[in-house]
PDB file of N, CA and C in Angstrom:
ATOM      1  N   MET A   1       7.281  -2.431  -3.816  1.00  0.00           N
ATOM      2  CA  MET A   1       5.977  -2.013  -3.518  1.00  0.00           C
ATOM      3  C   MET A   1       5.518  -0.985  -4.533  1.00  0.00           C
ATOM      4  N   SER A   2       4.192  -1.039  -4.873  1.00  0.00           N
ATOM      5  CA  SER A   2       3.583  -0.274  -5.960  1.00  0.00           C
ATOM      6  C   SER A   2       2.361   0.428  -5.310  1.00  0.00           C
ATOM      7  N   SER A   3       2.298   1.683  -5.427  1.00  0.00           N
ATOM      8  CA  SER A   3       1.112   2.501  -4.919  1.00  0.00           C
ATOM      9  C   SER A   3       1.068   3.892  -5.521  1.00  0.00           C
ATOM     10  N   PRO A   4       0.010   4.318  -5.898  1.00  0.00           N
ATOM     11  CA  PRO A   4      -0.159   5.713  -6.518  1.00  0.00           C
ATOM     12  C   PRO A   4       0.257   6.753  -5.423  1.00  0.00           C
ATOM     13  N   ILE A   5       0.196   6.488  -4.273  1.00  0.00           N
ATOM     14  CA  ILE A   5       0.584   7.535  -3.199  1.00  0.00           C
ATOM     15  C   ILE A   5       1.995   7.641  -3.083  1.00  0.00           C
ATOM     16  N   ILE A   6       2.917   6.653  -3.499  1.00  0.00           N
ATOM     17  CA  ILE A   6       4.383   6.783  -3.487  1.00  0.00           C
ATOM     18  C   ILE A   6       4.753   8.019  -4.250  1.00  0.00           C
ATOM     19  N   ALA A   7       4.276   8.154  -5.414  1.00  0.00           N
ATOM     20  CA  ALA A   7       4.615   9.360  -6.214  1.00  0.00           C
ATOM     21  C   ALA A   7       4.504  10.696  -5.512  1.00  0.00           C
ATOM     22  N   THR A   8       3.455  10.961  -4.861  1.00  0.00           N
ATOM     23  CA  THR A   8       3.158  12.141  -4.107  1.00  0.00           C
ATOM     24  C   THR A   8       3.913  12.143  -2.798  1.00  0.00           C
ATOM     25  N   LEU A   9       3.968  11.176  -2.036  1.00  0.00           N
ATOM     26  CA  LEU A   9       4.464  11.157  -0.724  1.00  0.00           C
ATOM     27  C   LEU A   9       6.038  11.271  -0.561  1.00  0.00           C
ATOM     28  N   VAL A  10       6.635  10.402  -1.466  1.00  0.00           N
ATOM     29  CA  VAL A  10       8.103  10.363  -1.377  1.00  0.00           C
ATOM     30  C   VAL A  10       8.789  10.821  -2.700  1.00  0.00           C
ATOM     31  N   GLY A  11       7.875  11.298  -3.738  1.00  0.00           N
ATOM     32  CA  GLY A  11       8.472  11.843  -4.891  1.00  0.00           C
ATOM     33  C   GLY A  11       9.020  10.827  -6.017  1.00  0.00           C
ATOM     34  N   GLU A  12       8.764   9.626  -5.804  1.00  0.00           N
ATOM     35  CA  GLU A  12       9.226   8.506  -6.773  1.00  0.00           C
ATOM     36  C   GLU A  12       8.006   8.484  -7.826  1.00  0.00           C
ATOM     37  N   ARG A  13       8.300   9.083  -9.049  1.00  0.00           N
ATOM     38  CA  ARG A  13       7.354   9.325 -10.093  1.00  0.00           C
ATOM     39  C   ARG A  13       6.817   7.917 -10.656  1.00  0.00           C
ATOM     40  N   SER A  14       7.493   6.909 -10.539  1.00  0.00           N
ATOM     41  CA  SER A  14       7.029   5.607 -11.027  1.00  0.00           C
ATOM     42  C   SER A  14       6.108   5.008 -10.145  1.00  0.00           C
ATOM     43  N   GLY A  15       5.896   5.436  -8.842  1.00  0.00           N
ATOM     44  CA  GLY A  15       4.997   4.957  -7.976  1.00  0.00           C
ATOM     45  C   GLY A  15       5.419   3.590  -7.344  1.00  0.00           C
ATOM     46  N   LYS A  16       6.763   3.267  -7.637  1.00  0.00           N
ATOM     47  CA  LYS A  16       7.196   1.836  -7.206  1.00  0.00           C
ATOM     48  C   LYS A  16       8.560   2.096  -6.295  1.00  0.00           C
ATOM     49  N   LEU A  17       8.729   1.416  -5.304  1.00  0.00           N
ATOM     50  CA  LEU A  17       9.755   1.249  -4.464  1.00  0.00           C
ATOM     51  C   LEU A  17      10.320  -0.191  -4.386  1.00  0.00           C
ATOM     52  N   ARG A  18      11.685  -0.280  -4.200  1.00  0.00           N
ATOM     53  CA  ARG A  18      12.336  -1.646  -4.054  1.00  0.00           C
ATOM     54  C   ARG A  18      13.118  -1.473  -2.789  1.00  0.00           C
ATOM     55  N   GLY A  19      13.219  -2.633  -2.003  1.00  0.00           N
ATOM     56  CA  GLY A  19      13.998  -2.745  -0.810  1.00  0.00           C
ATOM     57  C   GLY A  19      13.300  -2.459   0.459  1.00  0.00           C
ATOM     58  N   LYS A  20      13.754  -2.999   1.460  1.00  0.00           N
ATOM     59  CA  LYS A  20      13.304  -2.797   2.861  1.00  0.00           C
ATOM     60  C   LYS A  20      13.514  -1.376   3.397  1.00  0.00           C
ATOM     61  N   VAL A  21      14.657  -0.832   3.024  1.00  0.00           N
ATOM     62  CA  VAL A  21      14.919   0.571   3.381  1.00  0.00           C
ATOM     63  C   VAL A  21      14.015   1.627   2.826  1.00  0.00           C
ATOM     64  N   ALA A  22      13.739   1.492   1.385  1.00  0.00           N
ATOM     65  CA  ALA A  22      12.846   2.475   0.732  1.00  0.00           C
ATOM     66  C   ALA A  22      11.396   2.304   1.240  1.00  0.00           C
ATOM     67  N   VAL A  23      11.034   1.022   1.410  1.00  0.00           N
ATOM     68  CA  VAL A  23       9.591   0.751   1.757  1.00  0.00           C
ATOM     69  C   VAL A  23       9.411   1.190   3.195  1.00  0.00           C
ATOM     70  N   GLY A  24      10.352   0.892   3.979  1.00  0.00           N
ATOM     71  CA  GLY A  24      10.349   1.314   5.565  1.00  0.00           C
ATOM     72  C   GLY A  24      10.206   2.937   5.648  1.00  0.00           C
ATOM     73  N   GLY A  25      11.028   3.601   4.800  1.00  0.00           N
ATOM     74  CA  GLY A  25      11.059   5.013   4.878  1.00  0.00           C
ATOM     75  C   GLY A  25       9.683   5.659   4.389  1.00  0.00           C
ATOM     76  N   TYR A  26       9.092   4.971   3.410  1.00  0.00           N
ATOM     77  CA  TYR A  26       7.808   5.331   2.842  1.00  0.00           C
ATOM     78  C   TYR A  26       6.744   5.260   4.062  1.00  0.00           C
ATOM     79  N   TRP A  27       6.732   4.063   4.649  1.00  0.00           N
ATOM     80  CA  TRP A  27       5.674   3.797   5.628  1.00  0.00           C
ATOM     81  C   TRP A  27       5.838   4.752   6.915  1.00  0.00           C
ATOM     82  N   ALA A  28       7.204   4.995   7.221  1.00  0.00           N
ATOM     83  CA  ALA A  28       7.404   5.968   8.284  1.00  0.00           C
ATOM     84  C   ALA A  28       6.883   7.309   8.027  1.00  0.00           C
ATOM     85  N   LYS A  29       7.038   7.830   6.740  1.00  0.00           N
ATOM     86  CA  LYS A  29       6.604   9.107   6.452  1.00  0.00           C
ATOM     87  C   LYS A  29       5.077   9.044   6.367  1.00  0.00           C
ATOM     88  N   ALA A  30       4.502   8.016   5.863  1.00  0.00           N
ATOM     89  CA  ALA A  30       3.063   7.951   5.729  1.00  0.00           C
ATOM     90  C   ALA A  30       2.447   7.846   7.085  1.00  0.00           C
ATOM     91  N   LEU A  31       2.894   7.159   7.957  1.00  0.00           N
ATOM     92  CA  LEU A  31       2.306   7.077   9.309  1.00  0.00           C
ATOM     93  C   LEU A  31       2.482   8.443  10.202  1.00  0.00           C
ATOM     94  N   GLN A  32       3.568   9.084   9.828  1.00  0.00           N
ATOM     95  CA  GLN A  32       3.861  10.326  10.481  1.00  0.00           C
ATOM     96  C   GLN A  32       2.735  11.397  10.026  1.00  0.00           C
ATOM     97  N   SER A  33       2.414  11.355   8.659  1.00  0.00           N
ATOM     98  CA  SER A  33       1.450  12.293   8.144  1.00  0.00           C
ATOM     99  C   SER A  33       0.057  12.062   8.519  1.00  0.00           C
ATOM    100  N   ILE A  34      -0.291  10.950   8.916  1.00  0.00           N
ATOM    101  CA  ILE A  34      -1.634  10.465   9.407  1.00  0.00           C
ATOM    102  C   ILE A  34      -1.541   9.652  10.697  1.00  0.00           C
ATOM    103  N   PRO A  35      -1.222  10.320  11.844  1.00  0.00           N
ATOM    104  CA  PRO A  35      -1.002   9.626  13.116  1.00  0.00           C
ATOM    105  C   PRO A  35      -2.139   8.808  13.581  1.00  0.00           C
ATOM    106  N   ASN A  36      -3.375   9.090  13.248  1.00  0.00           N
ATOM    107  CA  ASN A  36      -4.611   8.424  13.806  1.00  0.00           C
ATOM    108  C   ASN A  36      -5.132   7.456  12.678  1.00  0.00           C
ATOM    109  N   LEU A  37      -4.356   6.986  11.637  1.00  0.00           N
ATOM    110  CA  LEU A  37      -4.710   6.099  10.619  1.00  0.00           C
ATOM    111  C   LEU A  37      -5.538   4.965  11.262  1.00  0.00           C
ATOM    112  N   ARG A  38      -6.596   4.678  10.508  1.00  0.00           N
ATOM    113  CA  ARG A  38      -7.350   3.446  10.936  1.00  0.00           C
ATOM    114  C   ARG A  38      -7.870   2.752   9.571  1.00  0.00           C
ATOM    115  N   PHE A  39      -8.051   1.537   9.770  1.00  0.00           N
ATOM    116  CA  PHE A  39      -8.601   0.778   8.609  1.00  0.00           C
ATOM    117  C   PHE A  39      -9.721  -0.113   9.120  1.00  0.00           C
ATOM    118  N   GLU A  40     -10.726  -0.293   8.318  1.00  0.00           N
ATOM    119  CA  GLU A  40     -11.785  -1.181   8.545  1.00  0.00           C
ATOM    120  C   GLU A  40     -11.687  -2.392   7.542  1.00  0.00           C
ATOM    121  N   LEU A  41     -11.419  -3.663   8.025  1.00  0.00           N
ATOM    122  CA  LEU A  41     -11.205  -4.778   7.193  1.00  0.00           C
ATOM    123  C   LEU A  41     -12.535  -5.214   6.737  1.00  0.00           C
ATOM    124  N   LEU A  42     -12.611  -5.335   5.343  1.00  0.00           N
ATOM    125  CA  LEU A  42     -13.869  -5.792   4.686  1.00  0.00           C
ATOM    126  C   LEU A  42     -13.755  -7.288   4.245  1.00  0.00           C
ATOM    127  N   ALA A  43     -12.549  -7.608   3.740  1.00  0.00           N
ATOM    128  CA  ALA A  43     -12.428  -8.964   3.293  1.00  0.00           C
ATOM    129  C   ALA A  43     -10.883  -9.182   3.260  1.00  0.00           C
ATOM    130  N   ALA A  44     -10.429 -10.566   3.382  1.00  0.00           N
ATOM    131  CA  ALA A  44      -9.205 -11.010   3.073  1.00  0.00           C
ATOM    132  C   ALA A  44      -9.382 -12.301   2.276  1.00  0.00           C
ATOM    133  N   LEU A  45      -8.812 -12.155   1.054  1.00  0.00           N
ATOM    134  CA  LEU A  45      -8.886 -13.115  -0.074  1.00  0.00           C
ATOM    135  C   LEU A  45      -7.535 -13.886  -0.322  1.00  0.00           C
ATOM    136  N   ALA A  46      -7.650 -15.183  -0.168  1.00  0.00           N
ATOM    137  CA  ALA A  46      -6.442 -15.965  -0.376  1.00  0.00           C
ATOM    138  C   ALA A  46      -6.307 -16.319  -1.841  1.00  0.00           C
ATOM    139  N   GLY A  47      -5.018 -16.420  -2.227  1.00  0.00           N
ATOM    140  CA  GLY A  47      -4.641 -16.807  -3.610  1.00  0.00           C
ATOM    141  C   GLY A  47      -3.530 -17.865  -3.441  1.00  0.00           C
ATOM    142  N   VAL A  48      -2.826 -18.195  -4.591  1.00  0.00           N
ATOM    143  CA  VAL A  48      -1.645 -19.011  -4.522  1.00  0.00           C
ATOM    144  C   VAL A  48      -0.461 -18.177  -4.201  1.00  0.00           C
ATOM    145  N   ASN A  49       0.150 -18.346  -3.037  1.00  0.00           N
ATOM    146  CA  ASN A  49       1.252 -17.509  -2.635  1.00  0.00           C
ATOM    147  C   ASN A  49       0.921 -15.998  -2.645  1.00  0.00           C
ATOM    148  N   SER A  50      -0.347 -15.713  -2.316  1.00  0.00           N
ATOM    149  CA  SER A  50      -0.696 -14.305  -2.318  1.00  0.00           C
ATOM    150  C   SER A  50      -1.932 -14.133  -1.460  1.00  0.00           C
ATOM    151  N   ILE A  51      -2.187 -12.893  -1.175  1.00  0.00           N
ATOM    152  CA  ILE A  51      -3.342 -12.475  -0.402  1.00  0.00           C
ATOM    153  C   ILE A  51      -3.817 -11.127  -0.821  1.00  0.00           C
ATOM    154  N   THR A  52      -5.140 -10.920  -0.889  1.00  0.00           N
ATOM    155  CA  THR A  52      -5.576  -9.506  -1.112  1.00  0.00           C
ATOM    156  C   THR A  52      -6.358  -9.152   0.126  1.00  0.00           C
ATOM    157  N   VAL A  53      -6.036  -7.915   0.564  1.00  0.00           N
ATOM    158  CA  VAL A  53      -6.783  -7.334   1.720  1.00  0.00           C
ATOM    159  C   VAL A  53      -7.646  -6.183   1.191  1.00  0.00           C
ATOM    160  N   TYR A  54      -8.893  -6.298   1.488  1.00  0.00           N
ATOM    161  CA  TYR A  54      -9.940  -5.252   1.043  1.00  0.00           C
ATOM    162  C   TYR A  54     -10.381  -4.579   2.188  1.00  0.00           C
ATOM    163  N   TYR A  55     -10.296  -3.309   2.149  1.00  0.00           N
ATOM    164  CA  TYR A  55     -10.589  -2.490   3.386  1.00  0.00           C
ATOM    165  C   TYR A  55     -11.072  -1.066   3.033  1.00  0.00           C
ATOM    166  N   ARG A  56     -11.534  -0.378   4.041  1.00  0.00           N
ATOM    167  CA  ARG A  56     -12.010   0.967   3.967  1.00  0.00           C
ATOM    168  C   ARG A  56     -10.986   1.750   4.819  1.00  0.00           C
ATOM    169  N   GLY A  57     -10.389   2.728   4.183  1.00  0.00           N
ATOM    170  CA  GLY A  57      -9.468   3.589   4.882  1.00  0.00           C
ATOM    171  C   GLY A  57      -9.838   5.064   4.820  1.00  0.00           C
ATOM    172  N   HIS A  58      -9.035   6.015   5.151  1.00  0.00           N
ATOM    173  CA  HIS A  58      -9.346   7.350   5.137  1.00  0.00           C
ATOM    174  C   HIS A  58      -9.709   8.026   3.747  1.00  0.00           C
ATOM    175  N   ARG A  59      -9.156   7.208   2.759  1.00  0.00           N
ATOM    176  CA  ARG A  59      -9.370   7.720   1.398  1.00  0.00           C
ATOM    177  C   ARG A  59     -10.574   6.970   0.673  1.00  0.00           C
ATOM    178  N   GLY A  60     -11.139   5.985   1.466  1.00  0.00           N
ATOM    179  CA  GLY A  60     -12.288   5.295   0.788  1.00  0.00           C
ATOM    180  C   GLY A  60     -11.863   3.656   0.714  1.00  0.00           C
ATOM    181  N   LEU A  61     -12.507   3.119  -0.232  1.00  0.00           N
ATOM    182  CA  LEU A  61     -12.223   1.681  -0.412  1.00  0.00           C
ATOM    183  C   LEU A  61     -10.812   1.491  -1.033  1.00  0.00           C
ATOM    184  N   ALA A  62     -10.315   0.353  -0.597  1.00  0.00           N
ATOM    185  CA  ALA A  62      -8.869   0.060  -1.072  1.00  0.00           C
ATOM    186  C   ALA A  62      -8.698  -1.343  -0.960  1.00  0.00           C
ATOM    187  N   ALA A  63      -7.615  -1.813  -1.841  1.00  0.00           N
ATOM    188  CA  ALA A  63      -7.324  -3.238  -1.773  1.00  0.00           C
ATOM    189  C   ALA A  63      -5.675  -3.288  -1.936  1.00  0.00           C
ATOM    190  N   GLU A  64      -5.134  -4.172  -1.111  1.00  0.00           N
ATOM    191  CA  GLU A  64      -3.721  -4.350  -1.319  1.00  0.00           C
ATOM    192  C   GLU A  64      -3.429  -5.874  -1.460  1.00  0.00           C
ATOM    193  N   VAL A  65      -2.585  -6.110  -2.599  1.00  0.00           N
ATOM    194  CA  VAL A  65      -2.370  -7.453  -2.983  1.00  0.00           C
ATOM    195  C   VAL A  65      -0.877  -7.791  -2.531  1.00  0.00           C
ATOM    196  N   LEU A  66      -0.713  -8.791  -1.747  1.00  0.00           N
ATOM    197  CA  LEU A  66       0.650  -9.092  -1.370  1.00  0.00           C
ATOM    198  C   LEU A  66       1.061 -10.472  -1.926  1.00  0.00           C
ATOM    199  N   HIS A  67       2.156 -10.587  -2.539  1.00  0.00           N
ATOM    200  CA  HIS A  67       2.717 -11.772  -3.165  1.00  0.00           C
ATOM    201  C   HIS A  67       3.824 -12.236  -2.242  1.00  0.00           C
ATOM    202  N   PHE A  68       3.802 -13.583  -1.726  1.00  0.00           N
ATOM    203  CA  PHE A  68       4.846 -14.114  -0.851  1.00  0.00           C
ATOM    204  C   PHE A  68       5.964 -14.963  -1.617  1.00  0.00           C
ATOM    205  N   SER A  69       7.064 -14.915  -0.976  1.00  0.00           N
ATOM    206  CA  SER A  69       8.334 -15.681  -1.548  1.00  0.00           C
ATOM    207  C   SER A  69       7.979 -17.098  -1.049  1.00  0.00           C
ATOM    208  N   ALA A  70       8.829 -18.018  -1.405  1.00  0.00           N
ATOM    209  CA  ALA A  70       8.817 -19.317  -0.972  1.00  0.00           C
ATOM    210  C   ALA A  70       9.046 -19.450   0.596  1.00  0.00           C
ATOM    211  N   SER A  71       9.846 -18.544   1.171  1.00  0.00           N
ATOM    212  CA  SER A  71      10.001 -18.549   2.644  1.00  0.00           C
ATOM    213  C   SER A  71       8.996 -17.822   3.363  1.00  0.00           C
ATOM    214  N   GLY A  72       7.817 -17.447   2.671  1.00  0.00           N
ATOM    215  CA  GLY A  72       6.743 -16.870   3.519  1.00  0.00           C
ATOM    216  C   GLY A  72       6.909 -15.335   3.662  1.00  0.00           C
ATOM    217  N   LYS A  73       7.903 -14.628   3.050  1.00  0.00           N
ATOM    218  CA  LYS A  73       7.953 -13.255   3.272  1.00  0.00           C
ATOM    219  C   LYS A  73       7.306 -12.542   2.094  1.00  0.00           C
ATOM    220  N   VAL A  74       6.957 -11.271   2.351  1.00  0.00           N
ATOM    221  CA  VAL A  74       6.306 -10.495   1.162  1.00  0.00           C
ATOM    222  C   VAL A  74       7.372 -10.230   0.244  1.00  0.00           C
ATOM    223  N   ARG A  75       7.129 -10.571  -1.113  1.00  0.00           N
ATOM    224  CA  ARG A  75       8.078 -10.295  -2.168  1.00  0.00           C
ATOM    225  C   ARG A  75       7.612  -9.084  -2.891  1.00  0.00           C
ATOM    226  N   GLU A  76       6.250  -8.922  -3.109  1.00  0.00           N
ATOM    227  CA  GLU A  76       5.830  -7.661  -3.841  1.00  0.00           C
ATOM    228  C   GLU A  76       4.429  -7.341  -3.139  1.00  0.00           C
ATOM    229  N   ALA A  77       4.221  -5.976  -3.251  1.00  0.00           N
ATOM    230  CA  ALA A  77       2.978  -5.480  -2.689  1.00  0.00           C
ATOM    231  C   ALA A  77       2.403  -4.460  -3.718  1.00  0.00           C
ATOM    232  N   PHE A  78       1.084  -4.466  -3.909  1.00  0.00           N
ATOM    233  CA  PHE A  78       0.405  -3.541  -4.815  1.00  0.00           C
ATOM    234  C   PHE A  78      -0.735  -2.960  -4.170  1.00  0.00           C
ATOM    235  N   ALA A  79      -0.969  -1.700  -3.944  1.00  0.00           N
ATOM    236  CA  ALA A  79      -1.941  -0.922  -3.429  1.00  0.00           C
ATOM    237  C   ALA A  79      -2.813  -0.413  -4.439  1.00  0.00           C
ATOM    238  N   HIS A  80      -4.138  -0.456  -4.232  1.00  0.00           N
ATOM    239  CA  HIS A  80      -5.024   0.079  -5.264  1.00  0.00           C
ATOM    240  C   HIS A  80      -6.254   0.874  -4.405  1.00  0.00           C
ATOM    241  N   TYR A  81      -6.518   2.015  -4.965  1.00  0.00           N
ATOM    242  CA  TYR A  81      -7.527   2.896  -4.196  1.00  0.00           C
ATOM    243  C   TYR A  81      -8.724   3.214  -5.148  1.00  0.00           C
ATOM    244  N   GLU A  82      -9.852   3.420  -4.530  1.00  0.00           N
ATOM    245  CA  GLU A  82     -11.067   3.793  -5.229  1.00  0.00           C
ATOM    246  C   GLU A  82     -10.907   5.169  -5.745  1.00  0.00           C
ATOM    247  N   GLU A  83     -11.220   5.182  -7.025  1.00  0.00           N
ATOM    248  CA  GLU A  83     -11.246   6.731  -7.657  1.00  0.00           C
ATOM    249  C   GLU A  83     -10.040   7.449  -7.489  1.00  0.00           C
ATOM    250  N   TRP A  84      -8.790   6.922  -7.570  1.00  0.00           N
ATOM    251  CA  TRP A  84      -7.582   7.620  -7.263  1.00  0.00           C
ATOM    252  C   TRP A  84      -7.297   8.750  -8.227  1.00  0.00           C
ATOM    253  N   SER A  85      -6.756   9.834  -7.697  1.00  0.00           N
ATOM    254  CA  SER A  85      -6.157  10.805  -8.577  1.00  0.00           C
ATOM    255  C   SER A  85      -4.971  11.334  -7.715  1.00  0.00           C
ATOM    256  N   ARG A  86      -3.960  12.021  -8.352  1.00  0.00           N
ATOM    257  CA  ARG A  86      -2.777  12.511  -7.652  1.00  0.00           C
ATOM    258  C   ARG A  86      -3.250  13.615  -6.721  1.00  0.00           C
ATOM    259  N   GLU A  87      -4.372  14.315  -7.019  1.00  0.00           N
ATOM    260  CA  GLU A  87      -4.796  15.408  -6.195  1.00  0.00           C
ATOM    261  C   GLU A  87      -5.318  14.858  -4.835  1.00  0.00           C
ATOM    262  N   ASP A  88      -5.670  13.676  -4.717  1.00  0.00           N
ATOM    263  CA  ASP A  88      -6.149  12.971  -3.555  1.00  0.00           C
ATOM    264  C   ASP A  88      -5.013  12.759  -2.457  1.00  0.00           C
ATOM    265  N   ALA A  89      -3.754  12.919  -2.882  1.00  0.00           N
ATOM    266  CA  ALA A  89      -2.613  12.438  -2.079  1.00  0.00           C
ATOM    267  C   ALA A  89      -2.338  13.241  -0.899  1.00  0.00           C
ATOM    268  N   GLY A  90      -2.894  14.471  -0.718  1.00  0.00           N
ATOM    269  CA  GLY A  90      -2.529  15.455   0.198  1.00  0.00           C
ATOM    270  C   GLY A  90      -3.081  15.042   1.585  1.00  0.00           C
TER     271      GLY A  90
END
């Protein structure tokens, strides 16, 4: 998983995590920090073995790109945010 929020939320400077345990820990911490988190789905775009989810969240516009393995499980995930800066992570 790749997201600019990873660096500030869990201290991984690369902004990237590998494995179910690391990604699960990230999401647990993220959901605890914003218990009433809500998303407004704007569009879902299909690709070849991938999907892009475009939405509005508490930080503004965002898109997440998910790449799937041959078995249909998420292999990679990339999060992108409108006008992101590290100061926005709080």
